[in-house]
Amino acid sequence: MYKAININSSVKIKLTDKGRKVYRNHLYDILGSIYRKNNEIEKLFNIDEDKQGYSTWQLWKLMSIFGSHIGMGSDICFETEILIDESDIKDLE
């Protein structure tokens, strides 16, 4: 049985070192020229992680940032188990 989740819903992941590097490069690409002058981009890179090491992302943002870095046989950007809040999962009618 399939269930539905909205891509605007939040999910939790555990980033790997590669994922942190990809995210840092993403920030430099979109914000680097603005913030590089003051070294403020490092403040933006801080990722809030819970005690278990999970960070929260909107699903669409996760796909947008890491999608092109995910593929068969490649180093993973985040652990393969993704946590989804049960209230965000909808039954299909």
C-alpha atoms as a PDB file:
ATOM      1  CA  MET A   1       0.000   0.000   0.000  1.00  0.00           C
ATOM      2  CA  TYR A   2       1.316   3.435  -0.908  1.00  0.00           C
ATOM      3  CA  LYS A   3       0.987   6.473   1.317  1.00  0.00           C
ATOM      4  CA  ALA A   4       1.553  10.132   0.510  1.00  0.00           C
ATOM      5  CA  ILE A   5       3.853  12.802   1.885  1.00  0.00           C
ATOM      6  CA  ASN A   6       3.988  16.420   0.810  1.00  0.00           C
ATOM      7  CA  ILE A   7       7.409  17.621  -0.327  1.00  0.00           C
ATOM      8  CA  ASN A   8       6.920  20.670   1.920  1.00  0.00           C
ATOM      9  CA  SER A   9       6.945  18.362   4.960  1.00  0.00           C
ATOM     10  CA  SER A  10       9.997  18.203   7.196  1.00  0.00           C
ATOM     11  CA  VAL A  11      12.210  15.146   7.444  1.00  0.00           C
ATOM     12  CA  LYS A  12      15.196  14.350   9.636  1.00  0.00           C
ATOM     13  CA  ILE A  13      18.521  13.080   8.317  1.00  0.00           C
ATOM     14  CA  LYS A  14      22.050  12.458   9.552  1.00  0.00           C
ATOM     15  CA  LEU A  15      24.510  14.293   7.314  1.00  0.00           C
ATOM     16  CA  THR A  16      27.823  12.681   6.419  1.00  0.00           C
ATOM     17  CA  ASP A  17      31.080  14.581   5.926  1.00  0.00           C
ATOM     18  CA  LYS A  18      30.355  14.605   2.190  1.00  0.00           C
ATOM     19  CA  GLY A  19      26.891  16.040   2.872  1.00  0.00           C
ATOM     20  CA  ARG A  20      28.349  18.816   4.991  1.00  0.00           C
ATOM     21  CA  LYS A  21      30.802  19.627   2.197  1.00  0.00           C
ATOM     22  CA  VAL A  22      28.018  19.650  -0.430  1.00  0.00           C
ATOM     23  CA  TYR A  23      25.899  21.934   1.773  1.00  0.00           C
ATOM     24  CA  ARG A  24      28.833  24.286   2.426  1.00  0.00           C
ATOM     25  CA  ASN A  25      29.527  24.479  -1.348  1.00  0.00           C
ATOM     26  CA  HIS A  26      25.825  25.112  -1.970  1.00  0.00           C
ATOM     27  CA  LEU A  27      25.914  28.061   0.428  1.00  0.00           C
ATOM     28  CA  TYR A  28      29.079  29.430  -1.164  1.00  0.00           C
ATOM     29  CA  ASP A  29      27.491  29.154  -4.608  1.00  0.00           C
ATOM     30  CA  ILE A  30      24.367  31.119  -3.691  1.00  0.00           C
ATOM     31  CA  LEU A  31      25.636  33.410  -0.935  1.00  0.00           C
ATOM     32  CA  GLY A  32      29.404  33.465  -1.185  1.00  0.00           C
ATOM     33  CA  SER A  33      29.847  36.741  -3.004  1.00  0.00           C
ATOM     34  CA  ILE A  34      27.631  38.522  -0.480  1.00  0.00           C
ATOM     35  CA  TYR A  35      28.998  37.064   2.756  1.00  0.00           C
ATOM     36  CA  ARG A  36      32.567  36.101   1.881  1.00  0.00           C
ATOM     37  CA  LYS A  37      33.812  39.625   2.529  1.00  0.00           C
ATOM     38  CA  ASN A  38      32.931  39.437   6.239  1.00  0.00           C
ATOM     39  CA  ASN A  39      33.412  35.681   6.761  1.00  0.00           C
ATOM     40  CA  GLU A  40      29.764  35.582   7.824  1.00  0.00           C
ATOM     41  CA  ILE A  41      29.006  32.554   5.668  1.00  0.00           C
ATOM     42  CA  GLU A  42      30.468  30.302   8.375  1.00  0.00           C
ATOM     43  CA  LYS A  43      27.684  31.443  10.716  1.00  0.00           C
ATOM     44  CA  LEU A  44      25.111  30.426   8.104  1.00  0.00           C
ATOM     45  CA  PHE A  45      26.676  26.987   7.739  1.00  0.00           C
ATOM     46  CA  ASN A  46      25.817  25.964  11.294  1.00  0.00           C
ATOM     47  CA  ILE A  47      23.433  23.012  11.136  1.00  0.00           C
ATOM     48  CA  ASP A  48      21.191  22.374  14.131  1.00  0.00           C
ATOM     49  CA  GLU A  49      21.476  18.714  15.064  1.00  0.00           C
ATOM     50  CA  ASP A  50      19.658  16.925  17.862  1.00  0.00           C
ATOM     51  CA  LYS A  51      21.326  14.630  20.405  1.00  0.00           C
ATOM     52  CA  GLN A  52      21.222  11.712  17.938  1.00  0.00           C
ATOM     53  CA  GLY A  53      22.838  13.767  15.163  1.00  0.00           C
ATOM     54  CA  TYR A  54      19.679  14.383  13.096  1.00  0.00           C
ATOM     55  CA  SER A  55      19.039  17.697  11.364  1.00  0.00           C
ATOM     56  CA  THR A  56      15.639  18.793  10.035  1.00  0.00           C
ATOM     57  CA  TRP A  57      15.057  19.748   6.404  1.00  0.00           C
ATOM     58  CA  GLN A  58      12.054  20.380   4.201  1.00  0.00           C
ATOM     59  CA  LEU A  59      11.936  17.450   1.793  1.00  0.00           C
ATOM     60  CA  TRP A  60      12.021  19.669  -1.321  1.00  0.00           C
ATOM     61  CA  LYS A  61      15.118  21.500  -0.042  1.00  0.00           C
ATOM     62  CA  LEU A  62      16.853  18.204   0.708  1.00  0.00           C
ATOM     63  CA  MET A  63      16.159  17.032  -2.864  1.00  0.00           C
ATOM     64  CA  SER A  64      17.227  20.362  -4.351  1.00  0.00           C
ATOM     65  CA  ILE A  65      20.563  20.595  -2.532  1.00  0.00           C
ATOM     66  CA  PHE A  66      21.655  16.953  -2.529  1.00  0.00           C
ATOM     67  CA  GLY A  67      19.801  15.400  -5.483  1.00  0.00           C
ATOM     68  CA  SER A  68      22.565  15.796  -8.048  1.00  0.00           C
ATOM     69  CA  HIS A  69      25.076  14.315  -5.575  1.00  0.00           C
ATOM     70  CA  ILE A  70      23.148  11.094  -5.006  1.00  0.00           C
ATOM     71  CA  GLY A  71      23.596   8.051  -7.210  1.00  0.00           C
ATOM     72  CA  MET A  72      24.417   4.368  -7.347  1.00  0.00           C
ATOM     73  CA  GLY A  73      27.877   3.725  -5.971  1.00  0.00           C
ATOM     74  CA  SER A  74      28.553   7.316  -4.918  1.00  0.00           C
ATOM     75  CA  ASP A  75      29.529   8.485  -1.452  1.00  0.00           C
ATOM     76  CA  ILE A  76      26.365   9.262   0.476  1.00  0.00           C
ATOM     77  CA  CYS A  77      25.509  12.787   1.602  1.00  0.00           C
ATOM     78  CA  PHE A  78      23.364  11.544   4.466  1.00  0.00           C
ATOM     79  CA  GLU A  79      22.580   8.207   6.024  1.00  0.00           C
ATOM     80  CA  THR A  80      19.998   6.279   4.037  1.00  0.00           C
ATOM     81  CA  GLU A  81      17.378   6.188   6.789  1.00  0.00           C
ATOM     82  CA  ILE A  82      15.161   9.290   6.731  1.00  0.00           C
ATOM     83  CA  LEU A  83      12.790  10.073   9.599  1.00  0.00           C
ATOM     84  CA  ILE A  84       9.324  11.319   8.683  1.00  0.00           C
ATOM     85  CA  ASP A  85       6.785  12.582  11.210  1.00  0.00           C
ATOM     86  CA  GLU A  86       3.881  10.150  11.205  1.00  0.00           C
ATOM     87  CA  SER A  87       1.371  13.021  11.103  1.00  0.00           C
ATOM     88  CA  ASP A  88       2.761  14.079   7.704  1.00  0.00           C
ATOM     89  CA  ILE A  89       1.984  10.718   6.107  1.00  0.00           C
ATOM     90  CA  LYS A  90      -1.435  10.505   4.466  1.00  0.00           C
ATOM     91  CA  ASP A  91      -3.392   7.474   3.340  1.00  0.00           C
ATOM     92  CA  LEU A  92      -4.368   7.447  -0.313  1.00  0.00           C
ATOM     93  CA  GLU A  93      -8.055   7.057  -0.944  1.00  0.00           C
END
